[in-house]
PDB file of all heavy atoms in Angstrom:
ATOM      1  N   ARG A   1     -11.541 194.885  98.603  1.00  0.00           N
ATOM      2  CA  ARG A   1     -11.982 195.203  97.243  1.00  0.00           C
ATOM      3  C   ARG A   1     -12.573 196.609  97.182  1.00  0.00           C
ATOM      4  O   ARG A   1     -12.339 197.348  96.223  1.00  0.00           O
ATOM      5  CB  ARG A   1     -12.988 194.166  96.754  1.00  0.00           C
ATOM      6  CG  ARG A   1     -12.353 192.797  96.490  1.00  0.00           C
ATOM      7  CD  ARG A   1     -13.375 191.744  96.143  1.00  0.00           C
ATOM      8  NE  ARG A   1     -14.130 192.058  94.940  1.00  0.00           N
ATOM      9  CZ  ARG A   1     -13.693 191.834  93.697  1.00  0.00           C
ATOM     10  NH1 ARG A   1     -12.515 191.305  93.497  1.00  0.00           N
ATOM     11  NH2 ARG A   1     -14.464 192.146  92.664  1.00  0.00           N
ATOM     12  N   HIS A   2     -13.326 197.006  98.210  1.00  0.00           N
ATOM     13  CA  HIS A   2     -13.882 198.362  98.251  1.00  0.00           C
ATOM     14  C   HIS A   2     -12.762 199.396  98.309  1.00  0.00           C
ATOM     15  O   HIS A   2     -12.840 200.430  97.638  1.00  0.00           O
ATOM     16  CB  HIS A   2     -14.822 198.516  99.442  1.00  0.00           C
ATOM     17  CG  HIS A   2     -16.196 198.003  99.183  1.00  0.00           C
ATOM     18  ND1 HIS A   2     -17.324 198.730  99.463  1.00  0.00           N
ATOM     19  CD2 HIS A   2     -16.640 196.830  98.667  1.00  0.00           C
ATOM     20  CE1 HIS A   2     -18.402 198.034  99.129  1.00  0.00           C
ATOM     21  NE2 HIS A   2     -18.001 196.867  98.647  1.00  0.00           N
ATOM     22  N   ALA A   3     -11.731 199.117  99.120  1.00  0.00           N
ATOM     23  CA  ALA A   3     -10.607 200.051  99.216  1.00  0.00           C
ATOM     24  C   ALA A   3      -9.896 200.171  97.867  1.00  0.00           C
ATOM     25  O   ALA A   3      -9.564 201.279  97.430  1.00  0.00           O
ATOM     26  CB  ALA A   3      -9.629 199.588 100.300  1.00  0.00           C
ATOM     27  N   ALA A   4      -9.684 199.044  97.196  1.00  0.00           N
ATOM     28  CA  ALA A   4      -9.015 199.063  95.897  1.00  0.00           C
ATOM     29  C   ALA A   4      -9.839 199.805  94.850  1.00  0.00           C
ATOM     30  O   ALA A   4      -9.294 200.474  93.972  1.00  0.00           O
ATOM     31  CB  ALA A   4      -8.730 197.639  95.431  1.00  0.00           C
ATOM     32  N   ALA A   5     -11.155 199.697  94.949  1.00  0.00           N
ATOM     33  CA  ALA A   5     -12.045 200.361  93.990  1.00  0.00           C
ATOM     34  C   ALA A   5     -12.312 201.816  94.365  1.00  0.00           C
ATOM     35  O   ALA A   5     -12.890 202.557  93.578  1.00  0.00           O
ATOM     36  CB  ALA A   5     -13.369 199.603  93.893  1.00  0.00           C
ATOM     37  N   GLY A   6     -11.930 202.197  95.576  1.00  0.00           N
ATOM     38  CA  GLY A   6     -12.162 203.570  96.011  1.00  0.00           C
ATOM     39  C   GLY A   6     -13.612 203.884  96.312  1.00  0.00           C
ATOM     40  O   GLY A   6     -14.048 205.019  96.147  1.00  0.00           O
ATOM     41  N   THR A   7     -14.361 202.893  96.768  1.00  0.00           N
ATOM     42  CA  THR A   7     -15.769 203.132  97.093  1.00  0.00           C
ATOM     43  C   THR A   7     -15.998 202.991  98.591  1.00  0.00           C
ATOM     44  O   THR A   7     -15.365 202.170  99.252  1.00  0.00           O
ATOM     45  CB  THR A   7     -16.707 202.167  96.333  1.00  0.00           C
ATOM     46  OG1 THR A   7     -18.055 202.481  96.688  1.00  0.00           O
ATOM     47  CG2 THR A   7     -16.432 200.718  96.657  1.00  0.00           C
ATOM     48  N   ASP A   8     -16.885 203.821  99.104  1.00  0.00           N
ATOM     49  CA  ASP A   8     -17.247 203.709 100.524  1.00  0.00           C
ATOM     50  C   ASP A   8     -18.665 203.158 100.688  1.00  0.00           C
ATOM     51  O   ASP A   8     -19.266 203.263 101.751  1.00  0.00           O
ATOM     52  CB  ASP A   8     -17.096 205.039 101.243  1.00  0.00           C
ATOM     53  CG  ASP A   8     -17.987 206.132 100.680  1.00  0.00           C
ATOM     54  OD1 ASP A   8     -18.672 205.897  99.668  1.00  0.00           O
ATOM     55  OD2 ASP A   8     -18.009 207.226 101.264  1.00  0.00           O
ATOM     56  N   ALA A   9     -19.198 202.534  99.634  1.00  0.00           N
ATOM     57  CA  ALA A   9     -20.516 201.898  99.721  1.00  0.00           C
ATOM     58  C   ALA A   9     -20.466 200.775 100.746  1.00  0.00           C
ATOM     59  O   ALA A   9     -19.420 200.152 100.948  1.00  0.00           O
ATOM     60  CB  ALA A   9     -20.925 201.350  98.352  1.00  0.00           C
ATOM     61  N   ASP A  10     -21.581 200.531 101.398  1.00  0.00           N
ATOM     62  CA  ASP A  10     -21.641 199.480 102.413  1.00  0.00           C
ATOM     63  C   ASP A  10     -21.418 198.094 101.806  1.00  0.00           C
ATOM     64  O   ASP A  10     -21.778 197.834 100.662  1.00  0.00           O
ATOM     65  CB  ASP A  10     -23.001 199.472 103.117  1.00  0.00           C
ATOM     66  CG  ASP A  10     -23.148 200.592 104.126  1.00  0.00           C
ATOM     67  OD1 ASP A  10     -22.149 201.279 104.420  1.00  0.00           O
ATOM     68  OD2 ASP A  10     -24.274 200.780 104.623  1.00  0.00           O
ATOM     69  N   VAL A  11     -20.834 197.224 102.615  1.00  0.00           N
ATOM     70  CA  VAL A  11     -20.767 195.797 102.315  1.00  0.00           C
ATOM     71  C   VAL A  11     -22.011 195.191 102.952  1.00  0.00           C
ATOM     72  O   VAL A  11     -22.350 195.516 104.093  1.00  0.00           O
ATOM     73  CB  VAL A  11     -19.491 195.172 102.937  1.00  0.00           C
ATOM     74  CG1 VAL A  11     -19.509 193.659 102.821  1.00  0.00           C
ATOM     75  CG2 VAL A  11     -18.240 195.760 102.297  1.00  0.00           C
ATOM     76  N   GLU A  12     -22.701 194.344 102.230  1.00  0.00           N
ATOM     77  CA  GLU A  12     -23.902 193.702 102.773  1.00  0.00           C
ATOM     78  C   GLU A  12     -23.609 192.246 103.110  1.00  0.00           C
ATOM     79  O   GLU A  12     -22.960 191.540 102.335  1.00  0.00           O
ATOM     80  CB  GLU A  12     -25.052 193.744 101.757  1.00  0.00           C
ATOM     81  CG  GLU A  12     -25.611 195.112 101.528  1.00  0.00           C
ATOM     82  CD  GLU A  12     -26.778 195.080 100.556  1.00  0.00           C
ATOM     83  OE1 GLU A  12     -26.910 194.110  99.783  1.00  0.00           O
ATOM     84  OE2 GLU A  12     -27.552 196.038 100.573  1.00  0.00           O
ATOM     85  N   VAL A  13     -24.105 191.836 104.269  1.00  0.00           N
ATOM     86  CA  VAL A  13     -24.027 190.444 104.692  1.00  0.00           C
ATOM     87  C   VAL A  13     -25.466 189.980 104.884  1.00  0.00           C
ATOM     88  O   VAL A  13     -26.190 190.534 105.712  1.00  0.00           O
ATOM     89  CB  VAL A  13     -23.218 190.295 105.996  1.00  0.00           C
ATOM     90  CG1 VAL A  13     -23.155 188.834 106.426  1.00  0.00           C
ATOM     91  CG2 VAL A  13     -21.815 190.878 105.839  1.00  0.00           C
ATOM     92  N   VAL A  14     -25.877 189.003 104.101  1.00  0.00           N
ATOM     93  CA  VAL A  14     -27.246 188.500 104.142  1.00  0.00           C
ATOM     94  C   VAL A  14     -27.202 187.081 104.700  1.00  0.00           C
ATOM     95  O   VAL A  14     -26.492 186.223 104.174  1.00  0.00           O
ATOM     96  CB  VAL A  14     -27.895 188.514 102.752  1.00  0.00           C
ATOM     97  CG1 VAL A  14     -29.318 187.978 102.815  1.00  0.00           C
ATOM     98  CG2 VAL A  14     -27.867 189.914 102.166  1.00  0.00           C
ATOM     99  N   VAL A  15     -27.965 186.843 105.757  1.00  0.00           N
ATOM    100  CA  VAL A  15     -28.023 185.538 106.407  1.00  0.00           C
ATOM    101  C   VAL A  15     -29.411 184.962 106.179  1.00  0.00           C
ATOM    102  O   VAL A  15     -30.417 185.637 106.395  1.00  0.00           O
ATOM    103  CB  VAL A  15     -27.747 185.667 107.926  1.00  0.00           C
ATOM    104  CG1 VAL A  15     -27.809 184.321 108.603  1.00  0.00           C
ATOM    105  CG2 VAL A  15     -26.413 186.339 108.173  1.00  0.00           C
ATOM    106  N   ASP A  16     -29.444 183.705 105.755  1.00  0.00           N
ATOM    107  CA  ASP A  16     -30.720 183.037 105.475  1.00  0.00           C
ATOM    108  C   ASP A  16     -30.652 181.627 106.051  1.00  0.00           C
ATOM    109  O   ASP A  16     -29.747 180.862 105.723  1.00  0.00           O
ATOM    110  CB  ASP A  16     -30.949 182.990 103.968  1.00  0.00           C
ATOM    111  CG  ASP A  16     -32.318 182.448 103.591  1.00  0.00           C
ATOM    112  OD1 ASP A  16     -33.013 181.888 104.452  1.00  0.00           O
ATOM    113  OD2 ASP A  16     -32.674 182.585 102.414  1.00  0.00           O
ATOM    114  N   ASP A  17     -31.588 181.290 106.920  1.00  0.00           N
ATOM    115  CA  ASP A  17     -31.597 179.938 107.498  1.00  0.00           C
ATOM    116  C   ASP A  17     -32.847 179.171 107.103  1.00  0.00           C
ATOM    117  O   ASP A  17     -33.259 178.236 107.772  1.00  0.00           O
ATOM    118  CB  ASP A  17     -31.424 179.973 109.010  1.00  0.00           C
ATOM    119  CG  ASP A  17     -32.619 180.536 109.755  1.00  0.00           C
ATOM    120  OD1 ASP A  17     -33.587 180.971 109.108  1.00  0.00           O
ATOM    121  OD2 ASP A  17     -32.588 180.541 110.995  1.00  0.00           O
ATOM    122  N   ASP A  18     -33.432 179.550 105.988  1.00  0.00           N
ATOM    123  CA  ASP A  18     -34.620 178.869 105.484  1.00  0.00           C
ATOM    124  C   ASP A  18     -34.165 177.759 104.536  1.00  0.00           C
ATOM    125  O   ASP A  18     -33.850 178.007 103.384  1.00  0.00           O
ATOM    126  CB  ASP A  18     -35.532 179.869 104.770  1.00  0.00           C
ATOM    127  CG  ASP A  18     -36.879 179.278 104.436  1.00  0.00           C
ATOM    128  OD1 ASP A  18     -37.286 178.309 105.092  1.00  0.00           O
ATOM    129  OD2 ASP A  18     -37.525 179.799 103.507  1.00  0.00           O
ATOM    130  N   GLY A  19     -34.093 176.534 105.039  1.00  0.00           N
ATOM    131  CA  GLY A  19     -33.612 175.427 104.220  1.00  0.00           C
ATOM    132  C   GLY A  19     -32.107 175.339 104.196  1.00  0.00           C
ATOM    133  O   GLY A  19     -31.488 175.385 103.146  1.00  0.00           O
ATOM    134  N   GLY A  20     -31.500 175.237 105.343  1.00  0.00           N
ATOM    135  CA  GLY A  20     -30.043 175.241 105.456  1.00  0.00           C
ATOM    136  C   GLY A  20     -29.593 176.562 106.032  1.00  0.00           C
ATOM    137  O   GLY A  20     -30.403 177.371 106.489  1.00  0.00           O
ATOM    138  N   PHE A  21     -28.296 176.804 106.023  1.00  0.00           N
ATOM    139  CA  PHE A  21     -27.757 178.057 106.533  1.00  0.00           C
ATOM    140  C   PHE A  21     -26.881 178.656 105.446  1.00  0.00           C
ATOM    141  O   PHE A  21     -25.877 178.064 105.044  1.00  0.00           O
ATOM    142  CB  PHE A  21     -26.946 177.824 107.807  1.00  0.00           C
ATOM    143  CG  PHE A  21     -26.439 179.091 108.420  1.00  0.00           C
ATOM    144  CD1 PHE A  21     -27.307 179.958 109.057  1.00  0.00           C
ATOM    145  CD2 PHE A  21     -25.099 179.428 108.337  1.00  0.00           C
ATOM    146  CE1 PHE A  21     -26.842 181.140 109.615  1.00  0.00           C
ATOM    147  CE2 PHE A  21     -24.630 180.605 108.897  1.00  0.00           C
ATOM    148  CZ  PHE A  21     -25.502 181.462 109.537  1.00  0.00           C
ATOM    149  N   ALA A  22     -27.278 179.815 104.947  1.00  0.00           N
ATOM    150  CA  ALA A  22     -26.552 180.470 103.867  1.00  0.00           C
ATOM    151  C   ALA A  22     -26.180 181.891 104.266  1.00  0.00           C
ATOM    152  O   ALA A  22     -26.936 182.567 104.963  1.00  0.00           O
ATOM    153  CB  ALA A  22     -27.393 180.498 102.597  1.00  0.00           C
ATOM    154  N   VAL A  23     -25.004 182.305 103.820  1.00  0.00           N
ATOM    155  CA  VAL A  23     -24.526 183.662 104.044  1.00  0.00           C
ATOM    156  C   VAL A  23     -24.076 184.209 102.697  1.00  0.00           C
ATOM    157  O   VAL A  23     -23.330 183.547 101.979  1.00  0.00           O
ATOM    158  CB  VAL A  23     -23.348 183.696 105.040  1.00  0.00           C
ATOM    159  CG1 VAL A  23     -22.833 185.117 105.221  1.00  0.00           C
ATOM    160  CG2 VAL A  23     -23.732 183.087 106.374  1.00  0.00           C
ATOM    161  N   GLU A  24     -24.546 185.390 102.369  1.00  0.00           N
ATOM    162  CA  GLU A  24     -24.076 186.087 101.181  1.00  0.00           C
ATOM    163  C   GLU A  24     -23.314 187.323 101.619  1.00  0.00           C
ATOM    164  O   GLU A  24     -23.784 188.073 102.478  1.00  0.00           O
ATOM    165  CB  GLU A  24     -25.238 186.523 100.293  1.00  0.00           C
ATOM    166  CG  GLU A  24     -25.962 185.397  99.626  1.00  0.00           C
ATOM    167  CD  GLU A  24     -27.043 185.869  98.678  1.00  0.00           C
ATOM    168  OE1 GLU A  24     -27.254 187.107  98.544  1.00  0.00           O
ATOM    169  OE2 GLU A  24     -27.693 184.999  98.071  1.00  0.00           O
ATOM    170  N   VAL A  25     -22.139 187.528 101.037  1.00  0.00           N
ATOM    171  CA  VAL A  25     -21.368 188.748 101.257  1.00  0.00           C
ATOM    172  C   VAL A  25     -21.351 189.470  99.919  1.00  0.00           C
ATOM    173  O   VAL A  25     -20.854 188.944  98.922  1.00  0.00           O
ATOM    174  CB  VAL A  25     -19.947 188.434 101.755  1.00  0.00           C
ATOM    175  CG1 VAL A  25     -19.150 189.727 101.920  1.00  0.00           C
ATOM    176  CG2 VAL A  25     -19.996 187.656 103.070  1.00  0.00           C
ATOM    177  N   ARG A  26     -21.934 190.661  99.911  1.00  0.00           N
ATOM    178  CA  ARG A  26     -22.107 191.428  98.671  1.00  0.00           C
ATOM    179  C   ARG A  26     -21.234 192.667  98.703  1.00  0.00           C
ATOM    180  O   ARG A  26     -21.331 193.482  99.627  1.00  0.00           O
ATOM    181  CB  ARG A  26     -23.563 191.839  98.513  1.00  0.00           C
ATOM    182  CG  ARG A  26     -24.525 190.664  98.466  1.00  0.00           C
ATOM    183  CD  ARG A  26     -25.951 191.142  98.483  1.00  0.00           C
ATOM    184  NE  ARG A  26     -26.893 190.024  98.430  1.00  0.00           N
ATOM    185  CZ  ARG A  26     -28.182 190.138  98.639  1.00  0.00           C
ATOM    186  NH1 ARG A  26     -28.710 191.337  98.922  1.00  0.00           N
ATOM    187  NH2 ARG A  26     -28.964 189.079  98.576  1.00  0.00           N
ATOM    188  N   ASP A  27     -20.392 192.789  97.694  1.00  0.00           N
ATOM    189  CA  ASP A  27     -19.597 194.017  97.581  1.00  0.00           C
ATOM    190  C   ASP A  27     -20.121 194.835  96.408  1.00  0.00           C
ATOM    191  O   ASP A  27     -21.018 194.403  95.683  1.00  0.00           O
ATOM    192  CB  ASP A  27     -18.101 193.699  97.450  1.00  0.00           C
ATOM    193  CG  ASP A  27     -17.718 193.005  96.151  1.00  0.00           C
ATOM    194  OD1 ASP A  27     -18.206 193.410  95.070  1.00  0.00           O
ATOM    195  OD2 ASP A  27     -16.918 192.058  96.205  1.00  0.00           O
ATOM    196  N   ARG A  28     -19.594 196.021  96.262  1.00  0.00           N
ATOM    197  CA  ARG A  28     -20.008 196.918  95.171  1.00  0.00           C
ATOM    198  C   ARG A  28     -18.776 197.298  94.359  1.00  0.00           C
ATOM    199  O   ARG A  28     -18.441 198.464  94.208  1.00  0.00           O
ATOM    200  CB  ARG A  28     -20.683 198.156  95.735  1.00  0.00           C
ATOM    201  CG  ARG A  28     -21.930 197.817  96.506  1.00  0.00           C
ATOM    202  CD  ARG A  28     -22.992 198.859  96.250  1.00  0.00           C
ATOM    203  NE  ARG A  28     -24.163 198.570  97.039  1.00  0.00           N
ATOM    204  CZ  ARG A  28     -25.266 198.068  96.522  1.00  0.00           C
ATOM    205  NH1 ARG A  28     -25.334 197.800  95.253  1.00  0.00           N
ATOM    206  NH2 ARG A  28     -26.299 197.842  97.292  1.00  0.00           N
ATOM    207  N   THR A  29     -18.090 196.261  93.864  1.00  0.00           N
ATOM    208  CA  THR A  29     -16.901 196.479  93.051  1.00  0.00           C
ATOM    209  C   THR A  29     -17.062 195.749  91.726  1.00  0.00           C
ATOM    210  O   THR A  29     -17.902 194.867  91.597  1.00  0.00           O
ATOM    211  CB  THR A  29     -15.634 195.961  93.764  1.00  0.00           C
ATOM    212  OG1 THR A  29     -15.729 194.543  93.914  1.00  0.00           O
ATOM    213  CG2 THR A  29     -15.479 196.614  95.126  1.00  0.00           C
ATOM    214  N   ALA A  30     -16.238 196.101  90.762  1.00  0.00           N
ATOM    215  CA  ALA A  30     -16.277 195.444  89.457  1.00  0.00           C
ATOM    216  C   ALA A  30     -15.899 193.973  89.618  1.00  0.00           C
ATOM    217  O   ALA A  30     -14.901 193.661  90.268  1.00  0.00           O
ATOM    218  CB  ALA A  30     -15.315 196.134  88.499  1.00  0.00           C
ATOM    219  N   PRO A  31     -16.690 193.055  89.068  1.00  0.00           N
ATOM    220  CA  PRO A  31     -16.382 191.634  89.203  1.00  0.00           C
ATOM    221  C   PRO A  31     -14.992 191.252  88.716  1.00  0.00           C
ATOM    222  O   PRO A  31     -14.381 190.327  89.240  1.00  0.00           O
ATOM    223  CB  PRO A  31     -17.460 190.952  88.354  1.00  0.00           C
ATOM    224  CG  PRO A  31     -18.600 191.913  88.358  1.00  0.00           C
ATOM    225  CD  PRO A  31     -17.958 193.269  88.374  1.00  0.00           C
ATOM    226  N   GLU A  32     -14.464 191.986  87.745  1.00  0.00           N
ATOM    227  CA  GLU A  32     -13.145 191.656  87.209  1.00  0.00           C
ATOM    228  C   GLU A  32     -11.991 192.209  88.049  1.00  0.00           C
ATOM    229  O   GLU A  32     -10.824 191.945  87.770  1.00  0.00           O
ATOM    230  CB  GLU A  32     -13.016 192.135  85.756  1.00  0.00           C
ATOM    231  CG  GLU A  32     -13.085 193.634  85.578  1.00  0.00           C
ATOM    232  CD  GLU A  32     -14.511 194.182  85.463  1.00  0.00           C
ATOM    233  OE1 GLU A  32     -15.484 193.412  85.552  1.00  0.00           O
ATOM    234  OE2 GLU A  32     -14.630 195.402  85.301  1.00  0.00           O
ATOM    235  N   LEU A  33     -12.296 192.971  89.113  1.00  0.00           N
ATOM    236  CA  LEU A  33     -11.263 193.525  89.984  1.00  0.00           C
ATOM    237  C   LEU A  33     -10.490 192.380  90.641  1.00  0.00           C
ATOM    238  O   LEU A  33     -11.081 191.514  91.293  1.00  0.00           O
ATOM    239  CB  LEU A  33     -11.903 194.410  91.057  1.00  0.00           C
ATOM    240  CG  LEU A  33     -10.966 195.089  92.041  1.00  0.00           C
ATOM    241  CD1 LEU A  33     -10.180 196.189  91.335  1.00  0.00           C
ATOM    242  CD2 LEU A  33     -11.753 195.674  93.201  1.00  0.00           C
ATOM    243  N   PRO A  34      -9.162 192.348  90.477  1.00  0.00           N
ATOM    244  CA  PRO A  34      -8.400 191.264  91.105  1.00  0.00           C
ATOM    245  C   PRO A  34      -8.315 191.448  92.617  1.00  0.00           C
ATOM    246  O   PRO A  34      -8.369 192.567  93.125  1.00  0.00           O
ATOM    247  CB  PRO A  34      -7.015 191.385  90.457  1.00  0.00           C
ATOM    248  CG  PRO A  34      -6.908 192.814  90.035  1.00  0.00           C
ATOM    249  CD  PRO A  34      -8.312 193.267  89.715  1.00  0.00           C
ATOM    250  N   ASP A  35      -8.174 190.337  93.317  1.00  0.00           N
ATOM    251  CA  ASP A  35      -8.008 190.400  94.770  1.00  0.00           C
ATOM    252  C   ASP A  35      -6.557 190.757  95.096  1.00  0.00           C
ATOM    253  O   ASP A  35      -5.623 190.228  94.481  1.00  0.00           O
ATOM    254  CB  ASP A  35      -8.354 189.049  95.410  1.00  0.00           C
ATOM    255  CG  ASP A  35      -9.849 188.749  95.341  1.00  0.00           C
ATOM    256  OD1 ASP A  35     -10.636 189.682  95.125  1.00  0.00           O
ATOM    257  OD2 ASP A  35     -10.206 187.580  95.524  1.00  0.00           O
ATOM    258  N   ASP A  36      -6.364 191.638  96.081  1.00  0.00           N
ATOM    259  CA  ASP A  36      -5.023 192.064  96.468  1.00  0.00           C
ATOM    260  C   ASP A  36      -4.240 190.978  97.205  1.00  0.00           C
ATOM    261  O   ASP A  36      -3.043 191.087  97.373  1.00  0.00           O
ATOM    262  CB  ASP A  36      -5.100 193.303  97.374  1.00  0.00           C
ATOM    263  CG  ASP A  36      -5.462 194.561  96.600  1.00  0.00           C
ATOM    264  OD1 ASP A  36      -5.346 194.555  95.361  1.00  0.00           O
ATOM    265  OD2 ASP A  36      -5.849 195.548  97.244  1.00  0.00           O
ATOM    266  N   ASP A  37      -4.918 189.936  97.656  1.00  0.00           N
ATOM    267  CA  ASP A  37      -4.256 188.907  98.458  1.00  0.00           C
ATOM    268  C   ASP A  37      -3.913 187.646  97.667  1.00  0.00           C
ATOM    269  O   ASP A  37      -3.680 186.593  98.239  1.00  0.00           O
ATOM    270  CB  ASP A  37      -5.118 188.547  99.672  1.00  0.00           C
ATOM    271  CG  ASP A  37      -6.407 187.851  99.278  1.00  0.00           C
ATOM    272  OD1 ASP A  37      -6.714 187.772  98.074  1.00  0.00           O
ATOM    273  OD2 ASP A  37      -7.109 187.368 100.174  1.00  0.00           O
ATOM    274  N   GLU A  38      -3.897 187.772  96.344  1.00  0.00           N
ATOM    275  CA  GLU A  38      -3.571 186.656  95.449  1.00  0.00           C
ATOM    276  C   GLU A  38      -4.505 185.458  95.638  1.00  0.00           C
ATOM    277  O   GLU A  38      -4.118 184.313  95.495  1.00  0.00           O
ATOM    278  CB  GLU A  38      -2.111 186.232  95.628  1.00  0.00           C
ATOM    279  CG  GLU A  38      -1.153 187.351  95.289  1.00  0.00           C
ATOM    280  CD  GLU A  38       0.295 186.992  95.504  1.00  0.00           C
ATOM    281  OE1 GLU A  38       0.598 185.842  95.851  1.00  0.00           O
ATOM    282  OE2 GLU A  38       1.133 187.885  95.310  1.00  0.00           O
ATOM    283  N   GLY A  39      -5.747 185.736  96.023  1.00  0.00           N
ATOM    284  CA  GLY A  39      -6.744 184.681  96.150  1.00  0.00           C
ATOM    285  C   GLY A  39      -6.730 183.916  97.461  1.00  0.00           C
ATOM    286  O   GLY A  39      -7.438 182.920  97.607  1.00  0.00           O
ATOM    287  N   MET A  40      -5.953 184.374  98.435  1.00  0.00           N
ATOM    288  CA  MET A  40      -5.851 183.655  99.709  1.00  0.00           C
ATOM    289  C   MET A  40      -7.187 183.613 100.451  1.00  0.00           C
ATOM    290  O   MET A  40      -7.567 182.566 100.990  1.00  0.00           O
ATOM    291  CB  MET A  40      -4.787 184.290 100.607  1.00  0.00           C
ATOM    292  CG  MET A  40      -4.551 183.524 101.892  1.00  0.00           C
ATOM    293  SD  MET A  40      -3.996 181.829 101.664  1.00  0.00           S
ATOM    294  CE  MET A  40      -2.363 182.100 101.041  1.00  0.00           C
ATOM    295  N   ALA A  41      -7.915 184.717 100.495  1.00  0.00           N
ATOM    296  CA  ALA A  41      -9.201 184.734 101.200  1.00  0.00           C
ATOM    297  C   ALA A  41     -10.174 183.736 100.578  1.00  0.00           C
ATOM    298  O   ALA A  41     -10.820 182.962 101.293  1.00  0.00           O
ATOM    299  CB  ALA A  41      -9.806 186.138 101.203  1.00  0.00           C
ATOM    300  N   LEU A  42     -10.249 183.730  99.260  1.00  0.00           N
ATOM    301  CA  LEU A  42     -11.157 182.785  98.601  1.00  0.00           C
ATOM    302  C   LEU A  42     -10.724 181.339  98.830  1.00  0.00           C
ATOM    303  O   LEU A  42     -11.566 180.458  99.010  1.00  0.00           O
ATOM    304  CB  LEU A  42     -11.240 183.067  97.100  1.00  0.00           C
ATOM    305  CG  LEU A  42     -12.118 184.236  96.695  1.00  0.00           C
ATOM    306  CD1 LEU A  42     -12.076 184.438  95.188  1.00  0.00           C
ATOM    307  CD2 LEU A  42     -13.543 184.034  97.167  1.00  0.00           C
ATOM    308  N   ALA A  43      -9.431 181.094  98.853  1.00  0.00           N
ATOM    309  CA  ALA A  43      -8.944 179.735  99.116  1.00  0.00           C
ATOM    310  C   ALA A  43      -9.348 179.278 100.514  1.00  0.00           C
ATOM    311  O   ALA A  43      -9.789 178.136 100.698  1.00  0.00           O
ATOM    312  CB  ALA A  43      -7.429 179.678  98.952  1.00  0.00           C
ATOM    313  N   LEU A  44      -9.237 180.163 101.499  1.00  0.00           N
ATOM    314  CA  LEU A  44      -9.648 179.815 102.862  1.00  0.00           C
ATOM    315  C   LEU A  44     -11.149 179.584 102.947  1.00  0.00           C
ATOM    316  O   LEU A  44     -11.604 178.628 103.581  1.00  0.00           O
ATOM    317  CB  LEU A  44      -9.240 180.912 103.844  1.00  0.00           C
ATOM    318  CG  LEU A  44      -7.773 180.935 104.235  1.00  0.00           C
ATOM    319  CD1 LEU A  44      -7.447 182.226 104.971  1.00  0.00           C
ATOM    320  CD2 LEU A  44      -7.432 179.730 105.077  1.00  0.00           C
ATOM    321  N   VAL A  45     -11.919 180.438 102.305  1.00  0.00           N
ATOM    322  CA  VAL A  45     -13.371 180.285 102.304  1.00  0.00           C
ATOM    323  C   VAL A  45     -13.756 178.941 101.688  1.00  0.00           C
ATOM    324  O   VAL A  45     -14.559 178.192 102.245  1.00  0.00           O
ATOM    325  CB  VAL A  45     -14.059 181.446 101.555  1.00  0.00           C
ATOM    326  CG1 VAL A  45     -15.524 181.158 101.314  1.00  0.00           C
ATOM    327  CG2 VAL A  45     -13.890 182.750 102.337  1.00  0.00           C
TER     328      VAL A  45
END
């Protein structure tokens, strides 16, 4: 998504194990930007 948007801003990965185990992956792209993989990554996730 960063490559498609042309941004070199960092991707953030936030890990939290306070009350379960949670991972957030934060990008800096427009939410409406379509995925180049036709949604395959989200389907796997």
